[in-house]
PDB file of all heavy atoms in Angstrom:
ATOM      1  N   TRP A   1       6.441 -23.614   1.598  1.00  0.00           N
ATOM      2  CA  TRP A   1       6.715 -22.182   1.591  1.00  0.00           C
ATOM      3  C   TRP A   1       7.799 -21.807   0.600  1.00  0.00           C
ATOM      4  O   TRP A   1       8.727 -22.579   0.335  1.00  0.00           O
ATOM      5  CB  TRP A   1       7.137 -21.705   2.983  1.00  0.00           C
ATOM      6  CG  TRP A   1       6.075 -21.849   4.012  1.00  0.00           C
ATOM      7  CD1 TRP A   1       4.758 -21.512   3.906  1.00  0.00           C
ATOM      8  CD2 TRP A   1       6.232 -22.383   5.327  1.00  0.00           C
ATOM      9  NE1 TRP A   1       4.089 -21.782   5.056  1.00  0.00           N
ATOM     10  CE2 TRP A   1       4.969 -22.331   5.960  1.00  0.00           C
ATOM     11  CE3 TRP A   1       7.314 -22.891   6.044  1.00  0.00           C
ATOM     12  CZ2 TRP A   1       4.755 -22.768   7.256  1.00  0.00           C
ATOM     13  CZ3 TRP A   1       7.101 -23.329   7.341  1.00  0.00           C
ATOM     14  CH2 TRP A   1       5.844 -23.266   7.925  1.00  0.00           C
ATOM     15  N   ARG A   2       7.687 -20.586   0.092  1.00  0.00           N
ATOM     16  CA  ARG A   2       8.684 -20.011  -0.809  1.00  0.00           C
ATOM     17  C   ARG A   2       8.973 -18.586  -0.328  1.00  0.00           C
ATOM     18  O   ARG A   2       8.079 -17.730  -0.334  1.00  0.00           O
ATOM     19  CB  ARG A   2       8.140 -19.998  -2.240  1.00  0.00           C
ATOM     20  CG  ARG A   2       8.989 -19.271  -3.258  1.00  0.00           C
ATOM     21  CD  ARG A   2       8.455 -19.538  -4.665  1.00  0.00           C
ATOM     22  NE  ARG A   2       7.049 -19.226  -4.771  1.00  0.00           N
ATOM     23  CZ  ARG A   2       6.552 -18.068  -5.193  1.00  0.00           C
ATOM     24  NH1 ARG A   2       7.376 -17.087  -5.537  1.00  0.00           N
ATOM     25  NH2 ARG A   2       5.252 -17.871  -5.279  1.00  0.00           N
ATOM     26  N   VAL A   3      10.203 -18.346   0.114  1.00  0.00           N
ATOM     27  CA  VAL A   3      10.569 -17.022   0.631  1.00  0.00           C
ATOM     28  C   VAL A   3      10.745 -16.056  -0.539  1.00  0.00           C
ATOM     29  O   VAL A   3      11.559 -16.295  -1.431  1.00  0.00           O
ATOM     30  CB  VAL A   3      11.863 -17.090   1.468  1.00  0.00           C
ATOM     31  CG1 VAL A   3      12.209 -15.703   2.009  1.00  0.00           C
ATOM     32  CG2 VAL A   3      11.712 -18.076   2.619  1.00  0.00           C
ATOM     33  N   VAL A   4       9.975 -14.966  -0.523  1.00  0.00           N
ATOM     34  CA  VAL A   4      10.018 -14.009  -1.633  1.00  0.00           C
ATOM     35  C   VAL A   4      10.715 -12.708  -1.257  1.00  0.00           C
ATOM     36  O   VAL A   4      10.940 -11.861  -2.120  1.00  0.00           O
ATOM     37  CB  VAL A   4       8.592 -13.710  -2.154  1.00  0.00           C
ATOM     38  CG1 VAL A   4       7.972 -14.959  -2.761  1.00  0.00           C
ATOM     39  CG2 VAL A   4       7.708 -13.152  -1.040  1.00  0.00           C
ATOM     40  N   GLY A   5      11.059 -12.540   0.007  1.00  0.00           N
ATOM     41  CA  GLY A   5      11.745 -11.313   0.385  1.00  0.00           C
ATOM     42  C   GLY A   5      12.077 -11.301   1.865  1.00  0.00           C
ATOM     43  O   GLY A   5      11.515 -12.054   2.667  1.00  0.00           O
ATOM     44  N   LEU A   6      13.030 -10.448   2.219  1.00  0.00           N
ATOM     45  CA  LEU A   6      13.459 -10.258   3.604  1.00  0.00           C
ATOM     46  C   LEU A   6      13.265  -8.798   3.992  1.00  0.00           C
ATOM     47  O   LEU A   6      13.399  -7.913   3.142  1.00  0.00           O
ATOM     48  CB  LEU A   6      14.931 -10.633   3.780  1.00  0.00           C
ATOM     49  CG  LEU A   6      15.362 -12.038   3.379  1.00  0.00           C
ATOM     50  CD1 LEU A   6      16.878 -12.099   3.250  1.00  0.00           C
ATOM     51  CD2 LEU A   6      14.907 -13.051   4.411  1.00  0.00           C
ATOM     52  N   LEU A   7      12.973  -8.558   5.245  1.00  0.00           N
ATOM     53  CA  LEU A   7      12.905  -7.186   5.760  1.00  0.00           C
ATOM     54  C   LEU A   7      13.780  -7.082   6.998  1.00  0.00           C
ATOM     55  O   LEU A   7      13.731  -7.966   7.871  1.00  0.00           O
ATOM     56  CB  LEU A   7      11.469  -6.782   6.090  1.00  0.00           C
ATOM     57  CG  LEU A   7      10.561  -6.578   4.873  1.00  0.00           C
ATOM     58  CD1 LEU A   7       9.716  -7.819   4.641  1.00  0.00           C
ATOM     59  CD2 LEU A   7       9.664  -5.365   5.030  1.00  0.00           C
ATOM     60  N   ASP A   8      14.562  -6.034   7.077  1.00  0.00           N
ATOM     61  CA  ASP A   8      15.482  -5.860   8.195  1.00  0.00           C
ATOM     62  C   ASP A   8      15.691  -4.363   8.424  1.00  0.00           C
ATOM     63  O   ASP A   8      15.659  -3.563   7.480  1.00  0.00           O
ATOM     64  CB  ASP A   8      16.815  -6.548   7.895  1.00  0.00           C
ATOM     65  CG  ASP A   8      17.679  -6.703   9.136  1.00  0.00           C
ATOM     66  OD1 ASP A   8      18.348  -5.724   9.524  1.00  0.00           O
ATOM     67  OD2 ASP A   8      17.681  -7.802   9.709  1.00  0.00           O
ATOM     68  N   ASP A   9      15.912  -3.990   9.674  1.00  0.00           N
ATOM     69  CA  ASP A   9      16.072  -2.570  10.013  1.00  0.00           C
ATOM     70  C   ASP A   9      17.480  -2.042   9.785  1.00  0.00           C
ATOM     71  O   ASP A   9      17.723  -0.843   9.948  1.00  0.00           O
ATOM     72  CB  ASP A   9      15.666  -2.338  11.475  1.00  0.00           C
ATOM     73  CG  ASP A   9      14.170  -2.472  11.681  1.00  0.00           C
ATOM     74  OD1 ASP A   9      13.422  -2.230  10.711  1.00  0.00           O
ATOM     75  OD2 ASP A   9      13.748  -2.834  12.797  1.00  0.00           O
ATOM     76  N   ASP A  10      18.418  -2.885   9.414  1.00  0.00           N
ATOM     77  CA  ASP A  10      19.793  -2.457   9.149  1.00  0.00           C
ATOM     78  C   ASP A  10      19.889  -1.906   7.724  1.00  0.00           C
ATOM     79  O   ASP A  10      19.780  -2.664   6.759  1.00  0.00           O
ATOM     80  CB  ASP A  10      20.750  -3.634   9.326  1.00  0.00           C
ATOM     81  CG  ASP A  10      22.212  -3.217   9.174  1.00  0.00           C
ATOM     82  OD1 ASP A  10      22.462  -2.036   8.849  1.00  0.00           O
ATOM     83  OD2 ASP A  10      23.088  -4.077   9.367  1.00  0.00           O
ATOM     84  N   PRO A  11      20.090  -0.594   7.558  1.00  0.00           N
ATOM     85  CA  PRO A  11      20.134  -0.009   6.201  1.00  0.00           C
ATOM     86  C   PRO A  11      21.244  -0.598   5.334  1.00  0.00           C
ATOM     87  O   PRO A  11      21.117  -0.639   4.105  1.00  0.00           O
ATOM     88  CB  PRO A  11      20.376   1.489   6.453  1.00  0.00           C
ATOM     89  CG  PRO A  11      20.013   1.713   7.882  1.00  0.00           C
ATOM     90  CD  PRO A  11      20.288   0.430   8.592  1.00  0.00           C
ATOM     91  N   ALA A  12      22.330  -1.047   5.940  1.00  0.00           N
ATOM     92  CA  ALA A  12      23.446  -1.605   5.162  1.00  0.00           C
ATOM     93  C   ALA A  12      23.058  -2.877   4.429  1.00  0.00           C
ATOM     94  O   ALA A  12      23.725  -3.266   3.469  1.00  0.00           O
ATOM     95  CB  ALA A  12      24.639  -1.872   6.083  1.00  0.00           C
ATOM     96  N   LYS A  13      21.982  -3.530   4.858  1.00  0.00           N
ATOM     97  CA  LYS A  13      21.571  -4.792   4.224  1.00  0.00           C
ATOM     98  C   LYS A  13      20.534  -4.595   3.128  1.00  0.00           C
ATOM     99  O   LYS A  13      20.270  -5.531   2.361  1.00  0.00           O
ATOM    100  CB  LYS A  13      21.002  -5.742   5.287  1.00  0.00           C
ATOM    101  CG  LYS A  13      22.024  -6.174   6.332  1.00  0.00           C
ATOM    102  CD  LYS A  13      21.370  -7.072   7.390  1.00  0.00           C
ATOM    103  CE  LYS A  13      22.391  -7.485   8.444  1.00  0.00           C
ATOM    104  NZ  LYS A  13      21.768  -8.306   9.520  1.00  0.00           N
ATOM    105  N   HIS A  14      19.952  -3.407   3.042  1.00  0.00           N
ATOM    106  CA  HIS A  14      18.886  -3.177   2.071  1.00  0.00           C
ATOM    107  C   HIS A  14      19.405  -3.320   0.636  1.00  0.00           C
ATOM    108  O   HIS A  14      20.500  -2.863   0.304  1.00  0.00           O
ATOM    109  CB  HIS A  14      18.261  -1.792   2.271  1.00  0.00           C
ATOM    110  CG  HIS A  14      17.543  -1.676   3.577  1.00  0.00           C
ATOM    111  ND1 HIS A  14      17.147  -0.465   4.107  1.00  0.00           N
ATOM    112  CD2 HIS A  14      17.158  -2.626   4.477  1.00  0.00           C
ATOM    113  CE1 HIS A  14      16.555  -0.663   5.258  1.00  0.00           C
ATOM    114  NE2 HIS A  14      16.545  -1.966   5.507  1.00  0.00           N
ATOM    115  N   GLN A  15      18.601  -3.973  -0.194  1.00  0.00           N
ATOM    116  CA  GLN A  15      18.899  -4.245  -1.612  1.00  0.00           C
ATOM    117  C   GLN A  15      20.039  -5.254  -1.793  1.00  0.00           C
ATOM    118  O   GLN A  15      20.470  -5.475  -2.912  1.00  0.00           O
ATOM    119  CB  GLN A  15      19.196  -2.944  -2.376  1.00  0.00           C
ATOM    120  CG  GLN A  15      18.102  -1.893  -2.272  1.00  0.00           C
ATOM    121  CD  GLN A  15      16.725  -2.438  -2.599  1.00  0.00           C
ATOM    122  OE1 GLN A  15      16.533  -3.060  -3.650  1.00  0.00           O
ATOM    123  NE2 GLN A  15      15.744  -2.225  -1.718  1.00  0.00           N
ATOM    124  N   ARG A  16      20.521  -5.829  -0.707  1.00  0.00           N
ATOM    125  CA  ARG A  16      21.473  -6.931  -0.808  1.00  0.00           C
ATOM    126  C   ARG A  16      20.689  -8.233  -0.883  1.00  0.00           C
ATOM    127  O   ARG A  16      19.472  -8.262  -0.675  1.00  0.00           O
ATOM    128  CB  ARG A  16      22.428  -6.941   0.397  1.00  0.00           C
ATOM    129  CG  ARG A  16      23.120  -5.599   0.661  1.00  0.00           C
ATOM    130  CD  ARG A  16      24.132  -5.237  -0.407  1.00  0.00           C
ATOM    131  NE  ARG A  16      25.300  -6.109  -0.354  1.00  0.00           N
ATOM    132  CZ  ARG A  16      26.358  -5.912   0.418  1.00  0.00           C
ATOM    133  NH1 ARG A  16      26.384  -4.868   1.240  1.00  0.00           N
ATOM    134  NH2 ARG A  16      27.395  -6.725   0.383  1.00  0.00           N
ATOM    135  N   GLU A  17      21.383  -9.332  -1.163  1.00  0.00           N
ATOM    136  CA  GLU A  17      20.703 -10.620  -1.309  1.00  0.00           C
ATOM    137  C   GLU A  17      21.341 -11.686  -0.433  1.00  0.00           C
ATOM    138  O   GLU A  17      22.556 -11.666  -0.205  1.00  0.00           O
ATOM    139  CB  GLU A  17      20.716 -11.083  -2.769  1.00  0.00           C
ATOM    140  CG  GLU A  17      19.865 -10.241  -3.690  1.00  0.00           C
ATOM    141  CD  GLU A  17      19.786 -10.826  -5.091  1.00  0.00           C
ATOM    142  OE1 GLU A  17      20.444 -11.872  -5.336  1.00  0.00           O
ATOM    143  OE2 GLU A  17      19.075 -10.259  -5.941  1.00  0.00           O
ATOM    144  N   ILE A  18      20.505 -12.614   0.045  1.00  0.00           N
ATOM    145  CA  ILE A  18      20.962 -13.806   0.750  1.00  0.00           C
ATOM    146  C   ILE A  18      20.373 -15.002   0.027  1.00  0.00           C
ATOM    147  O   ILE A  18      19.136 -15.148  -0.042  1.00  0.00           O
ATOM    148  CB  ILE A  18      20.522 -13.806   2.231  1.00  0.00           C
ATOM    149  CG1 ILE A  18      21.050 -12.570   2.958  1.00  0.00           C
ATOM    150  CG2 ILE A  18      20.996 -15.077   2.931  1.00  0.00           C
ATOM    151  CD1 ILE A  18      20.561 -12.461   4.401  1.00  0.00           C
ATOM    152  N   TYR A  19      21.244 -15.827  -0.555  1.00  0.00           N
ATOM    153  CA  TYR A  19      20.795 -16.988  -1.346  1.00  0.00           C
ATOM    154  C   TYR A  19      19.763 -16.586  -2.398  1.00  0.00           C
ATOM    155  O   TYR A  19      18.768 -17.282  -2.631  1.00  0.00           O
ATOM    156  CB  TYR A  19      20.220 -18.072  -0.433  1.00  0.00           C
ATOM    157  CG  TYR A  19      21.235 -18.699   0.483  1.00  0.00           C
ATOM    158  CD1 TYR A  19      21.060 -18.677   1.867  1.00  0.00           C
ATOM    159  CD2 TYR A  19      22.382 -19.306  -0.023  1.00  0.00           C
ATOM    160  CE1 TYR A  19      22.014 -19.244   2.716  1.00  0.00           C
ATOM    161  CE2 TYR A  19      23.328 -19.873   0.821  1.00  0.00           C
ATOM    162  CZ  TYR A  19      23.140 -19.838   2.181  1.00  0.00           C
ATOM    163  OH  TYR A  19      24.078 -20.414   3.015  1.00  0.00           O
ATOM    164  N   GLY A  20      20.002 -15.440  -3.018  1.00  0.00           N
ATOM    165  CA  GLY A  20      19.138 -15.001  -4.106  1.00  0.00           C
ATOM    166  C   GLY A  20      17.869 -14.297  -3.675  1.00  0.00           C
ATOM    167  O   GLY A  20      17.072 -13.889  -4.515  1.00  0.00           O
ATOM    168  N   VAL A  21      17.655 -14.143  -2.375  1.00  0.00           N
ATOM    169  CA  VAL A  21      16.458 -13.463  -1.868  1.00  0.00           C
ATOM    170  C   VAL A  21      16.863 -12.063  -1.403  1.00  0.00           C
ATOM    171  O   VAL A  21      17.780 -11.907  -0.601  1.00  0.00           O
ATOM    172  CB  VAL A  21      15.819 -14.251  -0.704  1.00  0.00           C
ATOM    173  CG1 VAL A  21      14.573 -13.525  -0.202  1.00  0.00           C
ATOM    174  CG2 VAL A  21      15.477 -15.665  -1.143  1.00  0.00           C
ATOM    175  N   LYS A  22      16.155 -11.050  -1.903  1.00  0.00           N
ATOM    176  CA  LYS A  22      16.543  -9.658  -1.654  1.00  0.00           C
ATOM    177  C   LYS A  22      16.034  -9.158  -0.309  1.00  0.00           C
ATOM    178  O   LYS A  22      14.925  -9.494   0.121  1.00  0.00           O
ATOM    179  CB  LYS A  22      16.008  -8.767  -2.773  1.00  0.00           C
ATOM    180  CG  LYS A  22      16.446  -7.309  -2.676  1.00  0.00           C
ATOM    181  CD  LYS A  22      15.942  -6.500  -3.841  1.00  0.00           C
ATOM    182  CE  LYS A  22      16.692  -6.819  -5.118  1.00  0.00           C
ATOM    183  NZ  LYS A  22      16.317  -5.889  -6.226  1.00  0.00           N
ATOM    184  N   VAL A  23      16.888  -8.349   0.362  1.00  0.00           N
ATOM    185  CA  VAL A  23      16.481  -7.615   1.565  1.00  0.00           C
ATOM    186  C   VAL A  23      15.794  -6.344   1.082  1.00  0.00           C
ATOM    187  O   VAL A  23      16.433  -5.460   0.506  1.00  0.00           O
ATOM    188  CB  VAL A  23      17.685  -7.281   2.471  1.00  0.00           C
ATOM    189  CG1 VAL A  23      17.207  -6.577   3.741  1.00  0.00           C
ATOM    190  CG2 VAL A  23      18.464  -8.547   2.816  1.00  0.00           C
ATOM    191  N   LEU A  24      14.488  -6.233   1.307  1.00  0.00           N
ATOM    192  CA  LEU A  24      13.689  -5.217   0.632  1.00  0.00           C
ATOM    193  C   LEU A  24      13.688  -3.863   1.329  1.00  0.00           C
ATOM    194  O   LEU A  24      13.969  -2.837   0.713  1.00  0.00           O
ATOM    195  CB  LEU A  24      12.247  -5.726   0.503  1.00  0.00           C
ATOM    196  CG  LEU A  24      12.090  -7.069  -0.237  1.00  0.00           C
ATOM    197  CD1 LEU A  24      10.683  -7.611  -0.055  1.00  0.00           C
ATOM    198  CD2 LEU A  24      12.409  -6.894  -1.707  1.00  0.00           C
ATOM    199  N   ASP A  25      13.357  -3.863   2.632  1.00  0.00           N
ATOM    200  CA  ASP A  25      13.076  -2.594   3.319  1.00  0.00           C
ATOM    201  C   ASP A  25      13.148  -2.807   4.817  1.00  0.00           C
ATOM    202  O   ASP A  25      13.296  -3.946   5.288  1.00  0.00           O
ATOM    203  CB  ASP A  25      11.659  -2.118   2.951  1.00  0.00           C
ATOM    204  CG  ASP A  25      11.678  -1.020   1.887  1.00  0.00           C
ATOM    205  OD1 ASP A  25      12.663  -0.251   1.849  1.00  0.00           O
ATOM    206  OD2 ASP A  25      10.712  -0.935   1.119  1.00  0.00           O
ATOM    207  N   PRO A  26      12.978  -1.721   5.614  1.00  0.00           N
ATOM    208  CA  PRO A  26      12.834  -1.893   7.063  1.00  0.00           C
ATOM    209  C   PRO A  26      11.547  -2.657   7.396  1.00  0.00           C
ATOM    210  O   PRO A  26      10.600  -2.697   6.601  1.00  0.00           O
ATOM    211  CB  PRO A  26      12.765  -0.458   7.589  1.00  0.00           C
ATOM    212  CG  PRO A  26      13.368   0.380   6.517  1.00  0.00           C
ATOM    213  CD  PRO A  26      13.047  -0.306   5.229  1.00  0.00           C
ATOM    214  N   ILE A  27      11.494  -3.222   8.578  1.00  0.00           N
ATOM    215  CA  ILE A  27      10.362  -4.059   8.989  1.00  0.00           C
ATOM    216  C   ILE A  27       9.063  -3.268   9.028  1.00  0.00           C
ATOM    217  O   ILE A  27       7.987  -3.811   8.749  1.00  0.00           O
ATOM    218  CB  ILE A  27      10.666  -4.694  10.363  1.00  0.00           C
ATOM    219  CG1 ILE A  27      11.795  -5.720  10.216  1.00  0.00           C
ATOM    220  CG2 ILE A  27       9.434  -5.350  10.969  1.00  0.00           C
ATOM    221  CD1 ILE A  27      12.329  -6.277  11.516  1.00  0.00           C
ATOM    222  N   ILE A  28       9.136  -1.975   9.318  1.00  0.00           N
ATOM    223  CA  ILE A  28       7.936  -1.160   9.422  1.00  0.00           C
ATOM    224  C   ILE A  28       7.166  -1.098   8.109  1.00  0.00           C
ATOM    225  O   ILE A  28       5.961  -0.816   8.071  1.00  0.00           O
ATOM    226  CB  ILE A  28       8.302   0.276   9.903  1.00  0.00           C
ATOM    227  CG1 ILE A  28       7.062   1.031  10.360  1.00  0.00           C
ATOM    228  CG2 ILE A  28       9.042   1.034   8.813  1.00  0.00           C
ATOM    229  CD1 ILE A  28       6.441   0.475  11.611  1.00  0.00           C
ATOM    230  N   HIS A  29       7.847  -1.380   6.980  1.00  0.00           N
ATOM    231  CA  HIS A  29       7.197  -1.342   5.669  1.00  0.00           C
ATOM    232  C   HIS A  29       6.549  -2.676   5.291  1.00  0.00           C
ATOM    233  O   HIS A  29       6.166  -2.868   4.133  1.00  0.00           O
ATOM    234  CB  HIS A  29       8.216  -0.960   4.583  1.00  0.00           C
ATOM    235  CG  HIS A  29       8.709   0.444   4.709  1.00  0.00           C
ATOM    236  ND1 HIS A  29       9.877   0.883   4.144  1.00  0.00           N
ATOM    237  CD2 HIS A  29       8.187   1.512   5.368  1.00  0.00           C
ATOM    238  CE1 HIS A  29      10.060   2.162   4.428  1.00  0.00           C
ATOM    239  NE2 HIS A  29       9.045   2.562   5.179  1.00  0.00           N
ATOM    240  N   LEU A  30       6.409  -3.585   6.252  1.00  0.00           N
ATOM    241  CA  LEU A  30       5.816  -4.896   5.969  1.00  0.00           C
ATOM    242  C   LEU A  30       4.432  -4.807   5.329  1.00  0.00           C
ATOM    243  O   LEU A  30       4.164  -5.521   4.353  1.00  0.00           O
ATOM    244  CB  LEU A  30       5.758  -5.723   7.265  1.00  0.00           C
ATOM    245  CG  LEU A  30       5.077  -7.084   7.156  1.00  0.00           C
ATOM    246  CD1 LEU A  30       5.874  -8.014   6.258  1.00  0.00           C
ATOM    247  CD2 LEU A  30       4.883  -7.704   8.539  1.00  0.00           C
ATOM    248  N   PRO A  31       3.507  -3.980   5.817  1.00  0.00           N
ATOM    249  CA  PRO A  31       2.174  -3.940   5.194  1.00  0.00           C
ATOM    250  C   PRO A  31       2.228  -3.637   3.701  1.00  0.00           C
ATOM    251  O   PRO A  31       1.441  -4.193   2.915  1.00  0.00           O
ATOM    252  CB  PRO A  31       1.458  -2.818   5.970  1.00  0.00           C
ATOM    253  CG  PRO A  31       2.142  -2.786   7.297  1.00  0.00           C
ATOM    254  CD  PRO A  31       3.576  -3.101   7.012  1.00  0.00           C
ATOM    255  N   THR A  32       3.152  -2.758   3.286  1.00  0.00           N
ATOM    256  CA  THR A  32       3.281  -2.431   1.856  1.00  0.00           C
ATOM    257  C   THR A  32       3.686  -3.658   1.050  1.00  0.00           C
ATOM    258  O   THR A  32       3.112  -3.959  -0.009  1.00  0.00           O
ATOM    259  CB  THR A  32       4.325  -1.318   1.659  1.00  0.00           C
ATOM    260  OG1 THR A  32       3.933  -0.175   2.403  1.00  0.00           O
ATOM    261  CG2 THR A  32       4.458  -0.961   0.179  1.00  0.00           C
ATOM    262  N   TRP A  33       4.678  -4.403   1.543  1.00  0.00           N
ATOM    263  CA  TRP A  33       5.191  -5.558   0.796  1.00  0.00           C
ATOM    264  C   TRP A  33       4.239  -6.745   0.824  1.00  0.00           C
ATOM    265  O   TRP A  33       4.210  -7.532  -0.128  1.00  0.00           O
ATOM    266  CB  TRP A  33       6.564  -5.939   1.334  1.00  0.00           C
ATOM    267  CG  TRP A  33       7.624  -4.955   0.921  1.00  0.00           C
ATOM    268  CD1 TRP A  33       8.193  -3.981   1.680  1.00  0.00           C
ATOM    269  CD2 TRP A  33       8.200  -4.837  -0.381  1.00  0.00           C
ATOM    270  NE1 TRP A  33       9.096  -3.261   0.942  1.00  0.00           N
ATOM    271  CE2 TRP A  33       9.127  -3.763  -0.330  1.00  0.00           C
ATOM    272  CE3 TRP A  33       8.032  -5.523  -1.581  1.00  0.00           C
ATOM    273  CZ2 TRP A  33       9.879  -3.375  -1.430  1.00  0.00           C
ATOM    274  CZ3 TRP A  33       8.785  -5.137  -2.689  1.00  0.00           C
ATOM    275  CH2 TRP A  33       9.694  -4.076  -2.612  1.00  0.00           C
TER     276      TRP A  33
END
């Protein structure tokens, strides 16, 4: 596996990165991503 993105409902984490992987959007937007 290769993690290409994170989704989280906390707005403060959006567009931040963890180990180079970006927090993209709230979880509800999963189908789009």
